[in-house]
Amino acid sequence: MNMNIIRLLLCWVAWLVSMSLVAQQQFLVMEYNVENLFDCRHDSLKNDLEFMPGSPRGWTYSKFTKKVESIARVILSASGEQVPDLVGLCEVENEFCTRTLVRYSPLREAGYEYVMTDSPDERGIDVVLLYQPYTFKLLEKHIINIPTTSIGGRPTRDILHVSGQIVTGDTLDVFLVHFPSRSGGWRKTEQYRLMAAGRLKSASDSIMHLRTNPHIIIMGDFNDYPSNKSLSEVLGAHKPGKTTEPHSLYNLMDGRPRGTYKYRGEWGILDQMIVSGTLLGKGSIRTSYSNARILDFPFLMEEDDKYGGDTPFRTFNGMRYKGGYSDHLPVLLELEIHHSD
């Protein structure tokens, strides 16, 4: 065969390979309950006295900065050389904590911007979405209040809804939640999580009707397991099967072994990653059940002296300071971006 023809064929194959690599890229979404990221200053409007230098916890500025650096390490370790495009954080006290993490920790080189809630939660904890402005162009931010006090509950965390445009031109709608606590018993407090799930379902249904091709991600600490009513009945979010419906919700954490949280020796999944069926199809942005995972890096774990096996290496065990990362494990979702010709 003529050498010129061979060279042309080799160039053509190389071009096809390069185009294939360009046509597919990752968009990473992470969620992490960071276990009480509090500063050391008292907010007179919040019940934050347990995280003060003179409190039984003995919370100091050096412990705060260590905590911030630990969270930064987890985010930077999430997926090789690429940092997540979106990071949802639960249990962050205020903007000072967020700004310290983004601007004055090892995370500063990543160039994150952020949006967060300012909830009526009595302890002052909120949810924060970190985003990469070059891969997620912020369009809108909405706050969804959960009126739990109207049915006898305590004020709780708002739901954060953020809309952004990704490189394909598609709009991605992200809901970040931290549902009401189980403190006091899960049966007694279930009504508050059902209310939160109802508000979330209404908001996601609105997006389903508003967008021609809705791409929805719902993530956070639900304080409920995949089989509980808030997820399985109100949201109707289950593990995807062989077929999926574009306008239904699917829980990519449902059915996984182990979990994100260990309670009295039993693993369970409190941190969920839920997507609309459109993201499980063959569109320009897509994912699958196998593209979601729980991050259980060895440095995030320690030996469980009481129940055996391992357990998340947490910051506190009760009031005893351990200097670990969190009592929850993070979850990571990989989206595949396919550019049209």
C-alpha atoms as a PDB file:
ATOM      1  CA  MET A   1       0.000   0.000   0.000  1.00  0.00           C
ATOM      2  CA  ASN A   2       1.211   3.502  -0.825  1.00  0.00           C
ATOM      3  CA  MET A   3       2.933   5.077   2.221  1.00  0.00           C
ATOM      4  CA  ASN A   4       1.015   8.315   1.738  1.00  0.00           C
ATOM      5  CA  ILE A   5      -2.257   6.437   1.973  1.00  0.00           C
ATOM      6  CA  ILE A   6      -1.047   4.676   5.150  1.00  0.00           C
ATOM      7  CA  ARG A   7      -0.105   8.013   6.695  1.00  0.00           C
ATOM      8  CA  LEU A   8      -3.498   9.422   5.786  1.00  0.00           C
ATOM      9  CA  LEU A   9      -5.252   6.420   7.360  1.00  0.00           C
ATOM     10  CA  LEU A  10      -3.178   6.731  10.544  1.00  0.00           C
ATOM     11  CA  CYS A  11      -3.950  10.436  10.757  1.00  0.00           C
ATOM     12  CA  TRP A  12      -7.626   9.728  10.216  1.00  0.00           C
ATOM     13  CA  VAL A  13      -7.676   7.096  13.009  1.00  0.00           C
ATOM     14  CA  ALA A  14      -5.813   9.446  15.366  1.00  0.00           C
ATOM     15  CA  TRP A  15      -8.326  12.194  14.569  1.00  0.00           C
ATOM     16  CA  LEU A  16     -11.246   9.874  15.286  1.00  0.00           C
ATOM     17  CA  VAL A  17      -9.714   8.875  18.639  1.00  0.00           C
ATOM     18  CA  SER A  18      -9.060  12.491  19.601  1.00  0.00           C
ATOM     19  CA  MET A  19     -12.592  13.486  18.616  1.00  0.00           C
ATOM     20  CA  SER A  20     -13.975  10.634  20.713  1.00  0.00           C
ATOM     21  CA  LEU A  21     -12.026  11.871  23.729  1.00  0.00           C
ATOM     22  CA  VAL A  22     -13.213  15.436  23.163  1.00  0.00           C
ATOM     23  CA  ALA A  23     -16.800  14.289  22.682  1.00  0.00           C
ATOM     24  CA  GLN A  24     -16.933  12.701  26.151  1.00  0.00           C
ATOM     25  CA  GLN A  25     -15.909  14.283  29.397  1.00  0.00           C
ATOM     26  CA  GLN A  26     -16.804  13.950  33.058  1.00  0.00           C
ATOM     27  CA  PHE A  27     -18.933  16.235  35.159  1.00  0.00           C
ATOM     28  CA  LEU A  28     -18.541  15.262  38.810  1.00  0.00           C
ATOM     29  CA  VAL A  29     -21.063  15.912  41.576  1.00  0.00           C
ATOM     30  CA  MET A  30     -20.241  15.268  45.231  1.00  0.00           C
ATOM     31  CA  GLU A  31     -22.282  15.445  48.433  1.00  0.00           C
ATOM     32  CA  TYR A  32     -20.870  15.424  51.955  1.00  0.00           C
ATOM     33  CA  ASN A  33     -22.303  15.936  55.423  1.00  0.00           C
ATOM     34  CA  VAL A  34     -19.219  17.418  57.082  1.00  0.00           C
ATOM     35  CA  GLU A  35     -20.380  16.987  60.717  1.00  0.00           C
ATOM     36  CA  ASN A  36     -20.708  20.367  62.374  1.00  0.00           C
ATOM     37  CA  LEU A  37     -18.451  22.838  60.600  1.00  0.00           C
ATOM     38  CA  PHE A  38     -18.760  25.619  63.201  1.00  0.00           C
ATOM     39  CA  ASP A  39     -16.606  28.662  63.806  1.00  0.00           C
ATOM     40  CA  CYS A  40     -15.633  29.700  67.355  1.00  0.00           C
ATOM     41  CA  ARG A  41     -17.758  32.850  67.586  1.00  0.00           C
ATOM     42  CA  HIS A  42     -21.143  33.045  69.240  1.00  0.00           C
ATOM     43  CA  ASP A  43     -24.109  34.077  67.139  1.00  0.00           C
ATOM     44  CA  SER A  44     -26.657  35.552  69.533  1.00  0.00           C
ATOM     45  CA  LEU A  45     -29.493  34.405  67.260  1.00  0.00           C
ATOM     46  CA  LYS A  46     -28.398  30.764  67.218  1.00  0.00           C
ATOM     47  CA  ASN A  47     -27.854  27.926  69.681  1.00  0.00           C
ATOM     48  CA  ASP A  48     -24.143  27.458  68.930  1.00  0.00           C
ATOM     49  CA  LEU A  49     -22.652  27.664  72.436  1.00  0.00           C
ATOM     50  CA  GLU A  50     -21.450  24.044  72.379  1.00  0.00           C
ATOM     51  CA  PHE A  51     -18.893  25.044  69.728  1.00  0.00           C
ATOM     52  CA  MET A  52     -17.049  27.634  71.767  1.00  0.00           C
ATOM     53  CA  PRO A  53     -13.607  27.470  73.418  1.00  0.00           C
ATOM     54  CA  GLY A  54     -15.141  27.363  76.903  1.00  0.00           C
ATOM     55  CA  SER A  55     -17.728  24.686  76.110  1.00  0.00           C
ATOM     56  CA  PRO A  56     -17.458  20.977  77.067  1.00  0.00           C
ATOM     57  CA  ARG A  57     -16.376  20.325  73.462  1.00  0.00           C
ATOM     58  CA  GLY A  58     -13.494  22.761  73.842  1.00  0.00           C
ATOM     59  CA  TRP A  59     -13.886  23.946  70.255  1.00  0.00           C
ATOM     60  CA  THR A  60     -10.963  26.203  69.321  1.00  0.00           C
ATOM     61  CA  TYR A  61      -9.789  28.083  66.258  1.00  0.00           C
ATOM     62  CA  SER A  62      -6.998  25.557  65.688  1.00  0.00           C
ATOM     63  CA  LYS A  63      -9.553  22.721  65.699  1.00  0.00           C
ATOM     64  CA  PHE A  64     -11.709  24.726  63.312  1.00  0.00           C
ATOM     65  CA  THR A  65      -8.841  25.237  60.849  1.00  0.00           C
ATOM     66  CA  LYS A  66      -7.902  21.556  61.097  1.00  0.00           C
ATOM     67  CA  LYS A  67     -11.510  20.685  60.303  1.00  0.00           C
ATOM     68  CA  VAL A  68     -11.524  22.999  57.277  1.00  0.00           C
ATOM     69  CA  GLU A  69      -8.283  21.508  55.959  1.00  0.00           C
ATOM     70  CA  SER A  70      -9.681  18.008  56.441  1.00  0.00           C
ATOM     71  CA  ILE A  71     -12.794  18.818  54.395  1.00  0.00           C
ATOM     72  CA  ALA A  72     -10.604  20.333  51.687  1.00  0.00           C
ATOM     73  CA  ARG A  73      -8.544  17.135  51.572  1.00  0.00           C
ATOM     74  CA  VAL A  74     -11.643  14.995  51.063  1.00  0.00           C
ATOM     75  CA  ILE A  75     -12.893  17.164  48.199  1.00  0.00           C
ATOM     76  CA  LEU A  76      -9.481  17.246  46.521  1.00  0.00           C
ATOM     77  CA  SER A  77      -9.186  13.452  46.873  1.00  0.00           C
ATOM     78  CA  ALA A  78     -12.637  12.703  45.483  1.00  0.00           C
ATOM     79  CA  SER A  79     -11.646  11.696  41.962  1.00  0.00           C
ATOM     80  CA  GLY A  80      -8.033  11.643  40.898  1.00  0.00           C
ATOM     81  CA  GLU A  81      -6.773  14.824  39.281  1.00  0.00           C
ATOM     82  CA  GLN A  82     -10.197  16.329  38.547  1.00  0.00           C
ATOM     83  CA  VAL A  83     -11.960  18.133  41.373  1.00  0.00           C
ATOM     84  CA  PRO A  84     -15.758  17.812  41.480  1.00  0.00           C
ATOM     85  CA  ASP A  85     -17.651  20.395  39.439  1.00  0.00           C
ATOM     86  CA  LEU A  86     -20.330  20.612  42.139  1.00  0.00           C
ATOM     87  CA  VAL A  87     -19.987  19.892  45.856  1.00  0.00           C
ATOM     88  CA  GLY A  88     -22.996  19.901  48.159  1.00  0.00           C
ATOM     89  CA  LEU A  89     -22.107  20.326  51.838  1.00  0.00           C
ATOM     90  CA  CYS A  90     -24.407  19.800  54.826  1.00  0.00           C
ATOM     91  CA  GLU A  91     -23.915  21.074  58.405  1.00  0.00           C
ATOM     92  CA  VAL A  92     -22.057  24.307  57.684  1.00  0.00           C
ATOM     93  CA  GLU A  93     -22.741  27.043  60.232  1.00  0.00           C
ATOM     94  CA  ASN A  94     -22.333  30.219  58.190  1.00  0.00           C
ATOM     95  CA  GLU A  95     -20.667  32.045  55.321  1.00  0.00           C
ATOM     96  CA  PHE A  96     -17.489  32.645  57.334  1.00  0.00           C
ATOM     97  CA  CYS A  97     -16.960  28.875  57.478  1.00  0.00           C
ATOM     98  CA  THR A  98     -17.666  28.529  53.758  1.00  0.00           C
ATOM     99  CA  ARG A  99     -15.401  31.406  52.774  1.00  0.00           C
ATOM    100  CA  THR A 100     -12.586  30.032  54.940  1.00  0.00           C
ATOM    101  CA  LEU A 101     -12.898  26.665  53.190  1.00  0.00           C
ATOM    102  CA  VAL A 102     -13.009  28.118  49.676  1.00  0.00           C
ATOM    103  CA  ARG A 103     -10.511  30.965  50.015  1.00  0.00           C
ATOM    104  CA  TYR A 104      -8.092  30.056  52.825  1.00  0.00           C
ATOM    105  CA  SER A 105      -7.636  26.284  52.738  1.00  0.00           C
ATOM    106  CA  PRO A 106      -5.866  23.944  50.299  1.00  0.00           C
ATOM    107  CA  LEU A 107      -9.102  24.150  48.297  1.00  0.00           C
ATOM    108  CA  ARG A 108      -8.361  27.739  47.253  1.00  0.00           C
ATOM    109  CA  GLU A 109      -6.466  26.635  44.119  1.00  0.00           C
ATOM    110  CA  ALA A 110      -9.589  24.875  42.857  1.00  0.00           C
ATOM    111  CA  GLY A 111     -11.349  28.208  42.246  1.00  0.00           C
ATOM    112  CA  TYR A 112     -14.767  27.363  43.635  1.00  0.00           C
ATOM    113  CA  GLU A 113     -17.605  29.844  43.962  1.00  0.00           C
ATOM    114  CA  TYR A 114     -20.537  29.088  46.252  1.00  0.00           C
ATOM    115  CA  VAL A 115     -24.173  29.672  47.133  1.00  0.00           C
ATOM    116  CA  MET A 116     -25.762  28.771  50.465  1.00  0.00           C
ATOM    117  CA  THR A 117     -28.887  29.014  52.557  1.00  0.00           C
ATOM    118  CA  ASP A 118     -29.497  31.106  55.662  1.00  0.00           C
ATOM    119  CA  SER A 119     -31.988  28.839  57.387  1.00  0.00           C
ATOM    120  CA  PRO A 120     -34.062  29.290  60.550  1.00  0.00           C
ATOM    121  CA  ASP A 121     -32.448  26.145  61.991  1.00  0.00           C
ATOM    122  CA  GLU A 122     -31.929  26.730  65.728  1.00  0.00           C
ATOM    123  CA  ARG A 123     -28.290  25.618  65.676  1.00  0.00           C
ATOM    124  CA  GLY A 124     -27.602  27.746  62.613  1.00  0.00           C
ATOM    125  CA  ILE A 125     -26.460  24.975  60.281  1.00  0.00           C
ATOM    126  CA  ASP A 126     -27.037  25.349  56.549  1.00  0.00           C
ATOM    127  CA  VAL A 127     -26.342  23.717  53.204  1.00  0.00           C
ATOM    128  CA  VAL A 128     -23.770  25.026  50.718  1.00  0.00           C
ATOM    129  CA  LEU A 129     -23.223  24.334  47.034  1.00  0.00           C
ATOM    130  CA  LEU A 130     -19.686  24.837  45.761  1.00  0.00           C
ATOM    131  CA  TYR A 131     -19.456  25.113  41.978  1.00  0.00           C
ATOM    132  CA  GLN A 132     -16.846  25.500  39.279  1.00  0.00           C
ATOM    133  CA  PRO A 133     -17.860  28.686  37.397  1.00  0.00           C
ATOM    134  CA  TYR A 134     -16.218  27.510  34.155  1.00  0.00           C
ATOM    135  CA  THR A 135     -18.205  24.274  33.974  1.00  0.00           C
ATOM    136  CA  PHE A 136     -21.402  25.380  35.725  1.00  0.00           C
ATOM    137  CA  LYS A 137     -22.690  28.832  34.826  1.00  0.00           C
ATOM    138  CA  LEU A 138     -24.959  29.922  37.666  1.00  0.00           C
ATOM    139  CA  LEU A 139     -28.387  31.000  36.389  1.00  0.00           C
ATOM    140  CA  GLU A 140     -30.714  31.088  39.393  1.00  0.00           C
ATOM    141  CA  LYS A 141     -30.857  30.350  43.112  1.00  0.00           C
ATOM    142  CA  HIS A 142     -34.063  29.580  45.001  1.00  0.00           C
ATOM    143  CA  ILE A 143     -34.665  28.892  48.682  1.00  0.00           C
ATOM    144  CA  ILE A 144     -37.459  26.508  49.679  1.00  0.00           C
ATOM    145  CA  ASN A 145     -38.599  26.866  53.276  1.00  0.00           C
ATOM    146  CA  ILE A 146     -40.006  23.901  55.217  1.00  0.00           C
ATOM    147  CA  PRO A 147     -42.682  25.192  57.672  1.00  0.00           C
ATOM    148  CA  THR A 148     -42.236  22.417  60.248  1.00  0.00           C
ATOM    149  CA  THR A 149     -43.212  24.787  63.082  1.00  0.00           C
ATOM    150  CA  SER A 150     -46.768  24.795  61.689  1.00  0.00           C
ATOM    151  CA  ILE A 151     -47.129  21.127  62.717  1.00  0.00           C
ATOM    152  CA  GLY A 152     -45.300  21.366  66.031  1.00  0.00           C
ATOM    153  CA  GLY A 153     -41.731  20.861  64.879  1.00  0.00           C
ATOM    154  CA  ARG A 154     -38.579  22.898  65.320  1.00  0.00           C
ATOM    155  CA  PRO A 155     -37.344  25.269  62.610  1.00  0.00           C
ATOM    156  CA  THR A 156     -35.319  23.273  60.092  1.00  0.00           C
ATOM    157  CA  ARG A 157     -32.942  23.675  57.173  1.00  0.00           C
ATOM    158  CA  ASP A 158     -34.160  25.226  53.946  1.00  0.00           C
ATOM    159  CA  ILE A 159     -33.792  23.386  50.645  1.00  0.00           C
ATOM    160  CA  LEU A 160     -31.382  25.009  48.188  1.00  0.00           C
ATOM    161  CA  HIS A 161     -32.366  24.925  44.508  1.00  0.00           C
ATOM    162  CA  VAL A 162     -29.734  26.070  42.025  1.00  0.00           C
ATOM    163  CA  SER A 163     -30.009  26.170  38.222  1.00  0.00           C
ATOM    164  CA  GLY A 164     -26.915  26.309  36.056  1.00  0.00           C
ATOM    165  CA  GLN A 165     -25.846  25.895  32.461  1.00  0.00           C
ATOM    166  CA  ILE A 166     -23.243  23.284  31.563  1.00  0.00           C
ATOM    167  CA  VAL A 167     -20.958  23.084  28.532  1.00  0.00           C
ATOM    168  CA  THR A 168     -23.561  21.422  26.287  1.00  0.00           C
ATOM    169  CA  GLY A 169     -25.930  24.346  26.809  1.00  0.00           C
ATOM    170  CA  ASP A 170     -28.280  22.202  28.901  1.00  0.00           C
ATOM    171  CA  THR A 171     -29.683  23.475  32.182  1.00  0.00           C
ATOM    172  CA  LEU A 172     -28.934  21.392  35.259  1.00  0.00           C
ATOM    173  CA  ASP A 173     -31.273  21.821  38.236  1.00  0.00           C
ATOM    174  CA  VAL A 174     -29.702  20.858  41.544  1.00  0.00           C
ATOM    175  CA  PHE A 175     -31.562  20.486  44.849  1.00  0.00           C
ATOM    176  CA  LEU A 176     -29.479  20.239  48.014  1.00  0.00           C
ATOM    177  CA  VAL A 177     -31.251  19.122  51.189  1.00  0.00           C
ATOM    178  CA  HIS A 178     -30.672  18.378  54.853  1.00  0.00           C
ATOM    179  CA  PHE A 179     -33.965  16.953  56.084  1.00  0.00           C
ATOM    180  CA  PRO A 180     -35.158  17.292  59.700  1.00  0.00           C
ATOM    181  CA  SER A 181     -33.281  15.240  62.285  1.00  0.00           C
ATOM    182  CA  ARG A 182     -34.351  11.918  63.784  1.00  0.00           C
ATOM    183  CA  SER A 183     -33.534  13.250  67.258  1.00  0.00           C
ATOM    184  CA  GLY A 184     -36.404  12.245  69.531  1.00  0.00           C
ATOM    185  CA  GLY A 185     -37.142   9.081  67.544  1.00  0.00           C
ATOM    186  CA  TRP A 186     -37.683   8.473  63.834  1.00  0.00           C
ATOM    187  CA  ARG A 187     -41.400   7.711  64.170  1.00  0.00           C
ATOM    188  CA  LYS A 188     -42.084  10.889  66.136  1.00  0.00           C
ATOM    189  CA  THR A 189     -40.098  13.036  63.706  1.00  0.00           C
ATOM    190  CA  GLU A 190     -41.103  11.314  60.461  1.00  0.00           C
ATOM    191  CA  GLN A 191     -43.910  13.795  59.762  1.00  0.00           C
ATOM    192  CA  TYR A 192     -41.370  16.595  59.422  1.00  0.00           C
ATOM    193  CA  ARG A 193     -39.331  14.696  56.832  1.00  0.00           C
ATOM    194  CA  LEU A 194     -42.526  13.823  54.977  1.00  0.00           C
ATOM    195  CA  MET A 195     -43.359  17.532  54.857  1.00  0.00           C
ATOM    196  CA  ALA A 196     -39.873  18.329  53.545  1.00  0.00           C
ATOM    197  CA  ALA A 197     -40.186  15.593  50.930  1.00  0.00           C
ATOM    198  CA  GLY A 198     -43.545  16.989  49.849  1.00  0.00           C
ATOM    199  CA  ARG A 199     -42.100  20.454  49.307  1.00  0.00           C
ATOM    200  CA  LEU A 200     -39.174  18.957  47.415  1.00  0.00           C
ATOM    201  CA  LYS A 201     -41.468  16.848  45.243  1.00  0.00           C
ATOM    202  CA  SER A 202     -43.593  19.875  44.336  1.00  0.00           C
ATOM    203  CA  ALA A 203     -40.481  21.842  43.364  1.00  0.00           C
ATOM    204  CA  SER A 204     -39.049  19.040  41.237  1.00  0.00           C
ATOM    205  CA  ASP A 205     -42.438  18.491  39.550  1.00  0.00           C
ATOM    206  CA  SER A 206     -42.490  22.193  38.642  1.00  0.00           C
ATOM    207  CA  ILE A 207     -39.103  21.810  36.955  1.00  0.00           C
ATOM    208  CA  MET A 208     -40.341  18.707  35.143  1.00  0.00           C
ATOM    209  CA  HIS A 209     -43.159  20.788  33.638  1.00  0.00           C
ATOM    210  CA  LEU A 210     -41.086  23.922  33.067  1.00  0.00           C
ATOM    211  CA  ARG A 211     -38.136  22.380  31.202  1.00  0.00           C
ATOM    212  CA  THR A 212     -38.474  20.764  27.801  1.00  0.00           C
ATOM    213  CA  ASN A 213     -35.737  18.331  28.774  1.00  0.00           C
ATOM    214  CA  PRO A 214     -35.373  18.483  32.573  1.00  0.00           C
ATOM    215  CA  HIS A 215     -32.069  17.388  34.108  1.00  0.00           C
ATOM    216  CA  ILE A 216     -32.506  17.165  37.878  1.00  0.00           C
ATOM    217  CA  ILE A 217     -30.101  16.107  40.618  1.00  0.00           C
ATOM    218  CA  ILE A 218     -31.326  15.890  44.221  1.00  0.00           C
ATOM    219  CA  MET A 219     -28.699  15.235  46.859  1.00  0.00           C
ATOM    220  CA  GLY A 220     -28.097  15.637  50.559  1.00  0.00           C
ATOM    221  CA  ASP A 221     -28.592  14.125  53.975  1.00  0.00           C
ATOM    222  CA  PHE A 222     -32.205  12.977  54.082  1.00  0.00           C
ATOM    223  CA  ASN A 223     -32.031  11.553  57.635  1.00  0.00           C
ATOM    224  CA  ASP A 224     -34.019   8.721  56.090  1.00  0.00           C
ATOM    225  CA  TYR A 225     -33.074   5.500  54.328  1.00  0.00           C
ATOM    226  CA  PRO A 226     -34.068   4.654  50.732  1.00  0.00           C
ATOM    227  CA  SER A 227     -36.935   2.442  51.941  1.00  0.00           C
ATOM    228  CA  ASN A 228     -38.495   5.133  54.179  1.00  0.00           C
ATOM    229  CA  LYS A 229     -41.702   6.860  53.085  1.00  0.00           C
ATOM    230  CA  SER A 230     -40.159  10.253  52.378  1.00  0.00           C
ATOM    231  CA  LEU A 231     -38.034   8.721  49.624  1.00  0.00           C
ATOM    232  CA  SER A 232     -39.918   5.650  48.456  1.00  0.00           C
ATOM    233  CA  GLU A 233     -43.467   7.049  48.547  1.00  0.00           C
ATOM    234  CA  VAL A 234     -43.442  10.862  48.528  1.00  0.00           C
ATOM    235  CA  LEU A 235     -40.557  11.276  46.074  1.00  0.00           C
ATOM    236  CA  GLY A 236     -41.155   7.875  44.491  1.00  0.00           C
ATOM    237  CA  ALA A 237     -37.405   7.476  44.060  1.00  0.00           C
ATOM    238  CA  HIS A 238     -36.183   3.893  43.752  1.00  0.00           C
ATOM    239  CA  LYS A 239     -33.219   2.069  42.284  1.00  0.00           C
ATOM    240  CA  PRO A 240     -33.435   2.261  38.461  1.00  0.00           C
ATOM    241  CA  GLY A 241     -34.481  -0.928  36.698  1.00  0.00           C
ATOM    242  CA  LYS A 242     -34.083  -2.093  33.114  1.00  0.00           C
ATOM    243  CA  THR A 243     -36.372   0.666  31.870  1.00  0.00           C
ATOM    244  CA  THR A 244     -36.691   4.231  33.141  1.00  0.00           C
ATOM    245  CA  GLU A 245     -39.197   7.021  32.640  1.00  0.00           C
ATOM    246  CA  PRO A 246     -37.814  10.482  31.746  1.00  0.00           C
ATOM    247  CA  HIS A 247     -40.000  12.359  34.225  1.00  0.00           C
ATOM    248  CA  SER A 248     -39.577  10.013  37.197  1.00  0.00           C
ATOM    249  CA  LEU A 249     -36.972  10.190  39.954  1.00  0.00           C
ATOM    250  CA  TYR A 250     -34.423   7.457  40.634  1.00  0.00           C
ATOM    251  CA  ASN A 251     -32.296   6.923  43.744  1.00  0.00           C
ATOM    252  CA  LEU A 252     -28.782   5.869  42.758  1.00  0.00           C
ATOM    253  CA  MET A 253     -27.944   5.010  46.386  1.00  0.00           C
ATOM    254  CA  ASP A 254     -30.812   2.544  46.799  1.00  0.00           C
ATOM    255  CA  GLY A 255     -29.719  -1.076  47.150  1.00  0.00           C
ATOM    256  CA  ARG A 256     -26.049  -0.486  47.850  1.00  0.00           C
ATOM    257  CA  PRO A 257     -24.137  -2.491  50.457  1.00  0.00           C
ATOM    258  CA  ARG A 258     -22.803  -0.795  53.569  1.00  0.00           C
ATOM    259  CA  GLY A 259     -23.768   2.868  53.715  1.00  0.00           C
ATOM    260  CA  THR A 260     -22.801   6.459  54.441  1.00  0.00           C
ATOM    261  CA  TYR A 261     -23.502   6.375  58.185  1.00  0.00           C
ATOM    262  CA  LYS A 262     -23.108   3.774  60.927  1.00  0.00           C
ATOM    263  CA  TYR A 263     -25.570   3.738  63.831  1.00  0.00           C
ATOM    264  CA  ARG A 264     -25.154   1.279  66.694  1.00  0.00           C
ATOM    265  CA  GLY A 265     -23.065  -1.026  64.545  1.00  0.00           C
ATOM    266  CA  GLU A 266     -25.425  -0.982  61.548  1.00  0.00           C
ATOM    267  CA  TRP A 267     -24.584   0.705  58.246  1.00  0.00           C
ATOM    268  CA  GLY A 268     -27.303   2.684  56.497  1.00  0.00           C
ATOM    269  CA  ILE A 269     -27.594   5.168  53.657  1.00  0.00           C
ATOM    270  CA  LEU A 270     -28.750   8.591  54.819  1.00  0.00           C
ATOM    271  CA  ASP A 271     -26.981  10.513  52.035  1.00  0.00           C
ATOM    272  CA  GLN A 272     -28.801  10.106  48.737  1.00  0.00           C
ATOM    273  CA  MET A 273     -28.032  10.928  45.113  1.00  0.00           C
ATOM    274  CA  ILE A 274     -31.291  11.107  43.150  1.00  0.00           C
ATOM    275  CA  VAL A 275     -31.654  11.939  39.447  1.00  0.00           C
ATOM    276  CA  SER A 276     -34.427  12.453  36.936  1.00  0.00           C
ATOM    277  CA  GLY A 277     -34.916   9.719  34.355  1.00  0.00           C
ATOM    278  CA  THR A 278     -33.716  12.059  31.621  1.00  0.00           C
ATOM    279  CA  LEU A 279     -30.184  11.684  33.007  1.00  0.00           C
ATOM    280  CA  LEU A 280     -30.423   7.899  32.653  1.00  0.00           C
ATOM    281  CA  GLY A 281     -31.206   8.089  28.941  1.00  0.00           C
ATOM    282  CA  LYS A 282     -28.991   8.737  25.924  1.00  0.00           C
ATOM    283  CA  GLY A 283     -28.972  12.525  25.891  1.00  0.00           C
ATOM    284  CA  SER A 284     -26.038  14.881  25.830  1.00  0.00           C
ATOM    285  CA  ILE A 285     -25.673  14.570  29.619  1.00  0.00           C
ATOM    286  CA  ARG A 286     -26.163  11.166  31.163  1.00  0.00           C
ATOM    287  CA  THR A 287     -25.245   8.863  34.020  1.00  0.00           C
ATOM    288  CA  SER A 288     -26.044   5.412  35.390  1.00  0.00           C
ATOM    289  CA  TYR A 289     -26.360   3.500  38.638  1.00  0.00           C
ATOM    290  CA  SER A 290     -22.765   2.317  38.328  1.00  0.00           C
ATOM    291  CA  ASN A 291     -21.552   5.924  38.026  1.00  0.00           C
ATOM    292  CA  ALA A 292     -22.521   6.708  41.625  1.00  0.00           C
ATOM    293  CA  ARG A 293     -20.475   5.521  44.575  1.00  0.00           C
ATOM    294  CA  ILE A 294     -19.805   6.003  48.267  1.00  0.00           C
ATOM    295  CA  LEU A 295     -16.298   7.281  48.991  1.00  0.00           C
ATOM    296  CA  ASP A 296     -14.755   5.162  51.736  1.00  0.00           C
ATOM    297  CA  PHE A 297     -11.087   6.051  51.422  1.00  0.00           C
ATOM    298  CA  PRO A 298      -8.956   4.408  54.142  1.00  0.00           C
ATOM    299  CA  PHE A 299      -8.115   7.798  55.681  1.00  0.00           C
ATOM    300  CA  LEU A 300     -11.854   8.414  56.209  1.00  0.00           C
ATOM    301  CA  MET A 301     -12.234   5.242  58.270  1.00  0.00           C
ATOM    302  CA  GLU A 302     -11.141   3.909  61.635  1.00  0.00           C
ATOM    303  CA  GLU A 303     -11.593   0.690  63.574  1.00  0.00           C
ATOM    304  CA  ASP A 304     -14.944   0.320  65.314  1.00  0.00           C
ATOM    305  CA  ASP A 305     -13.858  -0.671  68.823  1.00  0.00           C
ATOM    306  CA  LYS A 306     -17.401  -1.210  70.080  1.00  0.00           C
ATOM    307  CA  TYR A 307     -19.208  -3.031  67.267  1.00  0.00           C
ATOM    308  CA  GLY A 308     -16.367  -4.397  65.137  1.00  0.00           C
ATOM    309  CA  GLY A 309     -15.344  -3.706  61.583  1.00  0.00           C
ATOM    310  CA  ASP A 310     -14.715  -0.128  60.578  1.00  0.00           C
ATOM    311  CA  THR A 311     -16.626   3.125  60.967  1.00  0.00           C
ATOM    312  CA  PRO A 312     -16.291   6.715  59.710  1.00  0.00           C
ATOM    313  CA  PHE A 313     -13.431   8.589  61.385  1.00  0.00           C
ATOM    314  CA  ARG A 314     -15.464  11.370  62.941  1.00  0.00           C
ATOM    315  CA  THR A 315     -14.568  14.709  64.514  1.00  0.00           C
ATOM    316  CA  PHE A 316     -16.390  13.990  67.777  1.00  0.00           C
ATOM    317  CA  ASN A 317     -17.662  10.869  69.478  1.00  0.00           C
ATOM    318  CA  GLY A 318     -20.229  12.388  71.797  1.00  0.00           C
ATOM    319  CA  MET A 319     -18.302  15.193  73.490  1.00  0.00           C
ATOM    320  CA  ARG A 320     -14.921  13.502  73.024  1.00  0.00           C
ATOM    321  CA  TYR A 321     -12.773  15.135  70.368  1.00  0.00           C
ATOM    322  CA  LYS A 322     -11.251  12.632  67.934  1.00  0.00           C
ATOM    323  CA  GLY A 323      -9.928  14.976  65.256  1.00  0.00           C
ATOM    324  CA  GLY A 324     -11.329  12.986  62.340  1.00  0.00           C
ATOM    325  CA  TYR A 325     -13.260  14.012  59.256  1.00  0.00           C
ATOM    326  CA  SER A 326     -16.989  13.356  59.668  1.00  0.00           C
ATOM    327  CA  ASP A 327     -19.520  10.851  60.954  1.00  0.00           C
ATOM    328  CA  HIS A 328     -20.806  10.563  57.365  1.00  0.00           C
ATOM    329  CA  LEU A 329     -19.087   9.326  54.217  1.00  0.00           C
ATOM    330  CA  PRO A 330     -19.330  11.394  51.017  1.00  0.00           C
ATOM    331  CA  VAL A 331     -21.034  10.246  47.830  1.00  0.00           C
ATOM    332  CA  LEU A 332     -19.881  10.963  44.275  1.00  0.00           C
ATOM    333  CA  LEU A 333     -21.755  10.932  40.966  1.00  0.00           C
ATOM    334  CA  GLU A 334     -20.108  10.969  37.553  1.00  0.00           C
ATOM    335  CA  LEU A 335     -22.044  12.480  34.665  1.00  0.00           C
ATOM    336  CA  GLU A 336     -20.889  11.886  31.108  1.00  0.00           C
ATOM    337  CA  ILE A 337     -20.995  14.895  28.790  1.00  0.00           C
ATOM    338  CA  HIS A 338     -21.520  14.060  25.119  1.00  0.00           C
ATOM    339  CA  HIS A 339     -21.084  16.953  22.690  1.00  0.00           C
ATOM    340  CA  SER A 340     -23.263  16.809  19.615  1.00  0.00           C
ATOM    341  CA  ASP A 341     -21.563  16.991  16.234  1.00  0.00           C
END
